[in-house]
N, C-alpha and C. Protein backbone atom coordinates (compact mmCIF):
# COMPACT_ATOMS: atom_id res chain seq x y z
N MET A 1 -109.62 189.28 32.76
CA MET A 1 -108.43 189.97 32.31
C MET A 1 -107.88 190.85 33.41
N ALA A 2 -108.77 191.55 34.12
CA ALA A 2 -108.32 192.43 35.20
C ALA A 2 -107.71 191.60 36.33
N PHE A 3 -108.29 190.44 36.56
CA PHE A 3 -107.75 189.56 37.60
C PHE A 3 -106.34 189.12 37.25
N ALA A 4 -106.13 188.77 35.99
CA ALA A 4 -104.81 188.31 35.55
C ALA A 4 -103.77 189.42 35.71
N SER A 5 -104.13 190.65 35.37
CA SER A 5 -103.16 191.73 35.51
C SER A 5 -102.87 192.03 36.98
N ALA A 6 -103.88 191.94 37.83
CA ALA A 6 -103.66 192.15 39.26
C ALA A 6 -102.80 191.03 39.83
N PHE A 7 -103.06 189.81 39.37
CA PHE A 7 -102.27 188.67 39.83
C PHE A 7 -100.83 188.81 39.37
N ARG A 8 -100.62 189.28 38.15
CA ARG A 8 -99.28 189.48 37.61
C ARG A 8 -98.53 190.55 38.43
N ARG A 9 -99.25 191.61 38.83
CA ARG A 9 -98.62 192.66 39.65
C ARG A 9 -98.16 192.10 40.99
N VAL A 10 -98.97 191.22 41.57
CA VAL A 10 -98.60 190.62 42.85
C VAL A 10 -97.36 189.75 42.69
N LEU A 11 -97.34 188.95 41.62
CA LEU A 11 -96.18 188.07 41.40
C LEU A 11 -94.92 188.86 41.08
N ASN A 12 -95.07 189.92 40.32
CA ASN A 12 -93.90 190.72 39.96
C ASN A 12 -93.44 191.63 41.10
N GLY A 13 -94.26 191.80 42.11
CA GLY A 13 -93.88 192.64 43.25
C GLY A 13 -93.91 194.11 42.92
N SER A 14 -94.88 194.52 42.14
CA SER A 14 -94.97 195.95 41.81
C SER A 14 -95.23 196.76 43.07
N SER A 15 -94.91 198.03 43.01
CA SER A 15 -95.04 198.88 44.19
C SER A 15 -96.50 199.03 44.60
N PHE A 16 -97.40 198.99 43.64
CA PHE A 16 -98.82 199.12 43.98
C PHE A 16 -99.27 197.92 44.81
N ALA A 17 -98.91 196.74 44.37
CA ALA A 17 -99.33 195.53 45.07
C ALA A 17 -98.69 195.45 46.44
N SER A 18 -97.41 195.80 46.55
CA SER A 18 -96.75 195.70 47.84
C SER A 18 -97.28 196.76 48.79
N SER A 19 -97.60 197.97 48.28
CA SER A 19 -98.16 198.99 49.17
C SER A 19 -99.56 198.59 49.62
N SER A 20 -100.33 197.95 48.75
CA SER A 20 -101.66 197.48 49.13
C SER A 20 -101.55 196.40 50.19
N LEU A 21 -100.58 195.51 50.03
CA LEU A 21 -100.38 194.44 51.00
C LEU A 21 -99.95 195.03 52.34
N GLN A 22 -99.05 196.00 52.32
CA GLN A 22 -98.61 196.62 53.56
C GLN A 22 -99.76 197.35 54.24
N GLN A 23 -100.60 198.00 53.47
CA GLN A 23 -101.74 198.70 54.03
C GLN A 23 -102.70 197.70 54.67
N PHE A 24 -102.93 196.56 54.01
CA PHE A 24 -103.81 195.53 54.56
C PHE A 24 -103.23 194.99 55.87
N GLN A 25 -101.93 194.70 55.88
CA GLN A 25 -101.30 194.19 57.09
C GLN A 25 -101.39 195.20 58.22
N PHE A 26 -101.22 196.48 57.91
CA PHE A 26 -101.32 197.51 58.93
C PHE A 26 -102.74 197.56 59.50
N GLN A 27 -103.75 197.50 58.61
CA GLN A 27 -105.13 197.54 59.07
C GLN A 27 -105.46 196.33 59.93
N PHE A 28 -104.98 195.15 59.54
CA PHE A 28 -105.22 193.94 60.31
C PHE A 28 -104.57 194.05 61.68
N THR A 29 -103.34 194.55 61.72
CA THR A 29 -102.64 194.71 62.98
C THR A 29 -103.35 195.74 63.86
N ALA A 30 -103.85 196.80 63.26
CA ALA A 30 -104.56 197.82 64.01
C ALA A 30 -105.84 197.26 64.62
N ILE A 31 -106.50 196.37 63.91
CA ILE A 31 -107.71 195.77 64.44
C ILE A 31 -107.38 194.84 65.60
N ARG A 32 -106.36 194.01 65.42
CA ARG A 32 -106.01 193.02 66.45
C ARG A 32 -105.39 193.65 67.68
N PHE A 33 -104.48 194.60 67.48
CA PHE A 33 -103.76 195.19 68.59
C PHE A 33 -104.13 196.64 68.85
N GLY A 34 -105.22 197.10 68.27
CA GLY A 34 -105.57 198.50 68.35
C GLY A 34 -105.97 198.96 69.73
N SER A 35 -106.54 198.08 70.52
CA SER A 35 -106.98 198.52 71.83
C SER A 35 -105.77 198.64 72.76
N THR A 36 -105.65 199.79 73.36
CA THR A 36 -104.56 200.00 74.30
C THR A 36 -105.01 199.57 75.68
N LEU A 37 -104.07 199.19 76.48
CA LEU A 37 -104.40 198.73 77.82
C LEU A 37 -104.78 199.91 78.71
N THR A 38 -105.81 199.74 79.49
CA THR A 38 -106.20 200.75 80.45
C THR A 38 -105.96 200.25 81.88
N ALA A 39 -105.68 198.97 82.01
CA ALA A 39 -105.39 198.37 83.32
C ALA A 39 -104.28 197.33 83.12
N PRO A 40 -103.51 197.05 84.15
CA PRO A 40 -102.40 196.10 84.00
C PRO A 40 -102.82 194.64 84.09
N LYS A 41 -104.08 194.34 83.86
CA LYS A 41 -104.58 192.97 83.94
C LYS A 41 -104.80 192.41 82.54
N LEU A 42 -104.29 191.18 82.29
CA LEU A 42 -104.39 190.54 80.99
C LEU A 42 -105.22 189.27 81.08
N PHE A 43 -105.98 188.99 80.02
CA PHE A 43 -106.76 187.77 79.89
C PHE A 43 -105.96 186.82 79.00
N VAL A 44 -105.69 185.62 79.47
CA VAL A 44 -104.91 184.64 78.72
C VAL A 44 -105.82 183.48 78.38
N SER A 45 -106.03 183.23 77.08
CA SER A 45 -106.90 182.13 76.67
C SER A 45 -106.10 181.09 75.91
N GLY A 46 -106.68 179.92 75.74
CA GLY A 46 -106.02 178.84 75.02
C GLY A 46 -105.07 178.03 75.88
N LEU A 47 -105.22 178.12 77.19
CA LEU A 47 -104.31 177.39 78.08
C LEU A 47 -104.61 175.90 78.06
N SER A 48 -103.58 175.12 78.28
CA SER A 48 -103.72 173.68 78.41
C SER A 48 -104.47 173.35 79.69
N ARG A 49 -105.13 172.22 79.72
CA ARG A 49 -105.83 171.79 80.94
C ARG A 49 -104.85 171.47 82.07
N LEU A 50 -103.58 171.28 81.71
CA LEU A 50 -102.56 170.94 82.71
C LEU A 50 -101.82 172.16 83.23
N THR A 51 -102.11 173.35 82.70
CA THR A 51 -101.42 174.57 83.13
C THR A 51 -101.86 174.95 84.54
N THR A 52 -100.88 175.26 85.38
CA THR A 52 -101.15 175.66 86.76
C THR A 52 -100.81 177.13 86.95
N ASP A 53 -101.15 177.65 88.13
CA ASP A 53 -100.82 179.04 88.46
C ASP A 53 -99.31 179.26 88.40
N ASP A 54 -98.55 178.29 88.90
CA ASP A 54 -97.09 178.42 88.93
C ASP A 54 -96.49 178.45 87.52
N LYS A 55 -97.00 177.60 86.63
CA LYS A 55 -96.50 177.59 85.24
C LYS A 55 -96.83 178.90 84.54
N LEU A 56 -98.02 179.43 84.79
CA LEU A 56 -98.41 180.71 84.19
C LEU A 56 -97.54 181.83 84.72
N LYS A 57 -97.29 181.82 86.00
CA LYS A 57 -96.44 182.85 86.61
C LYS A 57 -95.02 182.76 86.07
N GLU A 58 -94.51 181.55 85.91
CA GLU A 58 -93.16 181.35 85.38
C GLU A 58 -93.04 181.85 83.94
N ALA A 59 -94.07 181.64 83.14
CA ALA A 59 -94.05 182.04 81.74
C ALA A 59 -94.12 183.56 81.59
N PHE A 60 -94.85 184.24 82.46
CA PHE A 60 -95.06 185.69 82.32
C PHE A 60 -94.14 186.54 83.19
N SER A 61 -93.38 185.94 84.07
CA SER A 61 -92.52 186.72 84.98
C SER A 61 -91.36 187.44 84.29
N PRO A 62 -90.81 186.99 83.15
CA PRO A 62 -89.71 187.74 82.54
C PRO A 62 -90.07 189.14 82.04
N PHE A 63 -91.34 189.49 81.98
CA PHE A 63 -91.75 190.75 81.38
C PHE A 63 -92.01 191.85 82.40
N GLY A 64 -91.89 191.55 83.68
CA GLY A 64 -92.08 192.57 84.69
C GLY A 64 -92.51 191.97 86.01
N GLN A 65 -92.82 192.84 86.95
CA GLN A 65 -93.20 192.42 88.29
C GLN A 65 -94.66 191.97 88.28
N LEU A 66 -94.86 190.67 88.53
CA LEU A 66 -96.21 190.12 88.56
C LEU A 66 -96.85 190.35 89.92
N VAL A 67 -98.10 190.78 89.90
CA VAL A 67 -98.87 190.90 91.13
C VAL A 67 -99.62 189.60 91.37
N GLU A 68 -100.18 189.04 90.27
CA GLU A 68 -100.95 187.80 90.39
C GLU A 68 -100.98 187.08 89.04
N ALA A 69 -100.95 185.77 89.09
CA ALA A 69 -101.16 184.92 87.91
C ALA A 69 -102.12 183.82 88.34
N LYS A 70 -103.31 183.81 87.76
CA LYS A 70 -104.36 182.92 88.21
C LYS A 70 -104.97 182.16 87.04
N VAL A 71 -104.95 180.82 87.12
CA VAL A 71 -105.63 179.97 86.14
C VAL A 71 -107.00 179.66 86.72
N ILE A 72 -108.03 179.88 85.94
CA ILE A 72 -109.40 179.62 86.39
C ILE A 72 -109.66 178.13 86.27
N THR A 73 -110.12 177.54 87.38
CA THR A 73 -110.32 176.09 87.43
C THR A 73 -111.79 175.74 87.61
N ASP A 74 -112.13 174.54 87.21
CA ASP A 74 -113.48 174.00 87.37
C ASP A 74 -113.69 173.61 88.82
N ARG A 75 -114.82 173.95 89.38
CA ARG A 75 -115.07 173.65 90.80
C ARG A 75 -115.13 172.15 91.06
N ALA A 76 -115.74 171.42 90.15
CA ALA A 76 -115.94 169.99 90.37
C ALA A 76 -114.66 169.18 90.17
N SER A 77 -113.97 169.41 89.05
CA SER A 77 -112.81 168.58 88.74
C SER A 77 -111.49 169.18 89.21
N GLY A 78 -111.46 170.50 89.41
CA GLY A 78 -110.22 171.15 89.83
C GLY A 78 -109.25 171.40 88.69
N ARG A 79 -109.63 171.02 87.46
CA ARG A 79 -108.75 171.22 86.30
C ARG A 79 -108.97 172.61 85.71
N SER A 80 -107.98 173.04 84.93
CA SER A 80 -108.04 174.35 84.29
C SER A 80 -109.21 174.41 83.31
N LYS A 81 -109.85 175.57 83.23
CA LYS A 81 -110.92 175.79 82.25
C LYS A 81 -110.37 176.27 80.92
N GLY A 82 -109.05 176.48 80.85
CA GLY A 82 -108.44 176.88 79.58
C GLY A 82 -108.19 178.36 79.47
N PHE A 83 -108.40 179.11 80.55
CA PHE A 83 -108.08 180.53 80.52
C PHE A 83 -107.66 180.98 81.91
N GLY A 84 -107.07 182.16 81.94
CA GLY A 84 -106.60 182.70 83.21
C GLY A 84 -106.35 184.19 83.11
N PHE A 85 -105.85 184.77 84.19
CA PHE A 85 -105.58 186.20 84.26
C PHE A 85 -104.19 186.43 84.83
N VAL A 86 -103.51 187.44 84.29
CA VAL A 86 -102.20 187.84 84.77
C VAL A 86 -102.26 189.33 85.06
N THR A 87 -101.81 189.72 86.24
CA THR A 87 -101.83 191.12 86.63
C THR A 87 -100.40 191.58 86.91
N TYR A 88 -100.03 192.71 86.31
CA TYR A 88 -98.70 193.30 86.48
C TYR A 88 -98.77 194.53 87.36
N ALA A 89 -97.60 194.99 87.78
CA ALA A 89 -97.52 196.19 88.61
C ALA A 89 -97.79 197.46 87.79
N SER A 90 -97.45 197.45 86.50
CA SER A 90 -97.67 198.64 85.67
C SER A 90 -98.25 198.24 84.31
N ILE A 91 -98.86 199.22 83.67
CA ILE A 91 -99.46 199.00 82.35
C ILE A 91 -98.39 198.73 81.31
N GLU A 92 -97.23 199.37 81.42
CA GLU A 92 -96.14 199.18 80.45
C GLU A 92 -95.66 197.74 80.46
N GLU A 93 -95.53 197.15 81.65
CA GLU A 93 -95.10 195.75 81.75
C GLU A 93 -96.15 194.83 81.14
N ALA A 94 -97.41 195.14 81.38
CA ALA A 94 -98.49 194.33 80.83
C ALA A 94 -98.51 194.41 79.31
N GLU A 95 -98.28 195.59 78.75
CA GLU A 95 -98.24 195.76 77.30
C GLU A 95 -97.09 194.97 76.69
N LYS A 96 -95.94 195.00 77.33
CA LYS A 96 -94.78 194.26 76.85
C LYS A 96 -95.07 192.75 76.86
N ALA A 97 -95.67 192.26 77.94
CA ALA A 97 -96.01 190.84 78.03
C ALA A 97 -97.04 190.46 76.98
N ARG A 98 -97.99 191.33 76.74
CA ARG A 98 -99.02 191.07 75.73
C ARG A 98 -98.40 190.93 74.34
N GLU A 99 -97.48 191.83 74.01
CA GLU A 99 -96.84 191.79 72.69
C GLU A 99 -95.96 190.55 72.53
N GLU A 100 -95.24 190.17 73.59
CA GLU A 100 -94.29 189.07 73.51
C GLU A 100 -94.93 187.69 73.61
N MET A 101 -96.00 187.57 74.39
CA MET A 101 -96.57 186.24 74.66
C MET A 101 -97.77 185.89 73.79
N ASN A 102 -98.33 186.85 73.08
CA ASN A 102 -99.50 186.55 72.25
C ASN A 102 -99.11 185.59 71.13
N ALA A 103 -99.90 184.56 70.94
CA ALA A 103 -99.72 183.53 69.91
C ALA A 103 -98.42 182.75 70.11
N LYS A 104 -98.02 182.54 71.36
CA LYS A 104 -96.86 181.72 71.69
C LYS A 104 -97.33 180.41 72.30
N PHE A 105 -96.42 179.43 72.38
CA PHE A 105 -96.74 178.14 72.95
C PHE A 105 -96.50 178.13 74.45
N LEU A 106 -97.43 177.54 75.19
CA LEU A 106 -97.27 177.30 76.62
C LEU A 106 -97.87 175.94 76.91
N ASP A 107 -97.07 175.04 77.42
CA ASP A 107 -97.47 173.65 77.69
C ASP A 107 -98.02 172.97 76.43
N GLY A 108 -97.45 173.29 75.27
CA GLY A 108 -97.85 172.65 74.03
C GLY A 108 -99.07 173.24 73.36
N TRP A 109 -99.63 174.30 73.91
CA TRP A 109 -100.82 174.93 73.34
C TRP A 109 -100.49 176.37 72.98
N VAL A 110 -101.13 176.88 71.92
CA VAL A 110 -100.96 178.29 71.53
C VAL A 110 -101.87 179.12 72.41
N ILE A 111 -101.29 180.12 73.08
CA ILE A 111 -102.08 180.97 73.96
C ILE A 111 -102.29 182.33 73.30
N PHE A 112 -103.36 183.00 73.70
CA PHE A 112 -103.67 184.33 73.20
C PHE A 112 -103.82 185.27 74.39
N VAL A 113 -103.20 186.42 74.29
CA VAL A 113 -103.19 187.38 75.39
C VAL A 113 -103.91 188.64 74.95
N ASP A 114 -104.92 189.03 75.70
CA ASP A 114 -105.72 190.21 75.40
C ASP A 114 -105.94 191.00 76.68
N PRO A 115 -106.32 192.27 76.55
CA PRO A 115 -106.64 193.04 77.76
C PRO A 115 -107.84 192.43 78.46
N ALA A 116 -107.80 192.37 79.78
CA ALA A 116 -108.93 191.85 80.55
C ALA A 116 -110.04 192.90 80.59
N LYS A 117 -111.26 192.44 80.41
CA LYS A 117 -112.42 193.33 80.50
C LYS A 117 -112.97 193.27 81.93
N PRO A 118 -113.58 194.35 82.38
CA PRO A 118 -114.18 194.29 83.72
C PRO A 118 -115.32 193.28 83.75
N ARG A 119 -115.47 192.64 84.88
CA ARG A 119 -116.51 191.63 85.03
C ARG A 119 -117.88 192.29 84.98
N GLU A 120 -118.76 191.73 84.17
CA GLU A 120 -120.12 192.27 84.05
C GLU A 120 -120.94 191.84 85.26
N PRO A 121 -121.76 192.75 85.78
CA PRO A 121 -122.57 192.37 86.95
C PRO A 121 -123.62 191.34 86.56
N ARG A 122 -123.81 190.39 87.44
CA ARG A 122 -124.81 189.35 87.21
C ARG A 122 -126.15 189.80 87.78
N PRO A 123 -127.25 189.36 87.18
CA PRO A 123 -128.55 189.72 87.75
C PRO A 123 -128.71 189.00 89.10
N PRO A 124 -129.46 189.59 90.03
CA PRO A 124 -129.65 188.92 91.33
C PRO A 124 -130.42 187.62 91.15
N PRO A 125 -130.16 186.64 92.00
CA PRO A 125 -130.87 185.36 91.87
C PRO A 125 -132.36 185.53 92.11
N GLN A 126 -133.14 184.78 91.36
CA GLN A 126 -134.60 184.84 91.49
C GLN A 126 -135.02 184.07 92.74
N PRO A 127 -135.95 184.63 93.49
CA PRO A 127 -136.41 183.91 94.69
C PRO A 127 -137.15 182.63 94.28
N ASN A 128 -137.07 181.63 95.13
CA ASN A 128 -137.70 180.34 94.88
C ASN A 128 -139.17 180.44 95.27
N HIS A 129 -140.08 180.24 94.31
CA HIS A 129 -141.52 180.39 94.56
C HIS A 129 -142.22 179.07 94.81
N GLU A 130 -141.48 177.99 95.07
CA GLU A 130 -142.11 176.69 95.30
C GLU A 130 -142.73 176.64 96.69
N PRO A 131 -143.88 176.01 96.80
CA PRO A 131 -144.47 175.85 98.13
C PRO A 131 -143.64 174.88 98.96
N THR A 132 -143.63 175.07 100.27
CA THR A 132 -142.81 174.21 101.12
C THR A 132 -143.47 172.87 101.37
N GLU A 133 -144.80 172.80 101.35
CA GLU A 133 -145.49 171.52 101.58
C GLU A 133 -146.50 171.29 100.45
N GLY A 134 -146.91 170.04 100.30
CA GLY A 134 -147.90 169.73 99.29
C GLY A 134 -147.27 169.29 98.00
N PHE A 135 -148.05 169.37 96.92
CA PHE A 135 -147.57 168.93 95.62
C PHE A 135 -146.86 170.06 94.89
N ARG A 136 -145.89 169.68 94.11
CA ARG A 136 -145.21 170.65 93.26
C ARG A 136 -145.08 170.05 91.86
N THR A 137 -144.89 170.87 90.88
CA THR A 137 -144.80 170.41 89.50
C THR A 137 -143.35 170.31 89.08
N ASN A 138 -142.98 169.17 88.56
CA ASN A 138 -141.67 168.99 87.97
C ASN A 138 -141.85 169.14 86.47
N LYS A 139 -141.19 170.10 85.86
CA LYS A 139 -141.44 170.43 84.46
C LYS A 139 -141.07 169.31 83.50
N THR A 140 -140.16 168.44 83.87
CA THR A 140 -139.74 167.38 82.95
C THR A 140 -140.53 166.10 83.14
N ILE A 141 -141.05 165.85 84.34
CA ILE A 141 -141.72 164.58 84.61
C ILE A 141 -143.22 164.77 84.76
N GLY A 142 -143.66 165.77 85.47
CA GLY A 142 -145.06 165.97 85.73
C GLY A 142 -145.26 166.19 87.23
N TRP A 143 -146.36 165.63 87.76
CA TRP A 143 -146.64 165.81 89.19
C TRP A 143 -145.76 164.89 90.00
N CYS A 144 -145.29 165.42 91.12
CA CYS A 144 -144.55 164.58 92.05
C CYS A 144 -144.88 165.05 93.45
N GLY A 145 -144.71 164.22 94.41
CA GLY A 145 -145.12 164.62 95.75
C GLY A 145 -144.27 164.08 96.74
């Protein structure tokens, strides 16, 4: 019964239901766009495999002075990995580009624009402890020489 009355309020557009909906939309927007930019660098995900640096630069240039537009590519194939970075001269330009380009189409794919996070440091590579001569163990096959 309570469900039916709540459903009826939503259909009738009562002020309670509309204010609850507006509050929900505000909270959702605050979660998605709540983080403010601290640097003028943006992370762009959802790129097509055919997107190049020039296409990315062309798409983001109307929003301000671009310092760099870089699509991250695979070392072996040279194709896009599906994400990239765009750097602007100021934070205001980056914020404007983020608001305008988020969830828009680029090369037939929907892209998402978020603030870029600083790169996390990688642990140093482990030294190779294999002997230079003699037998060594191959973990998948067994002994080899």
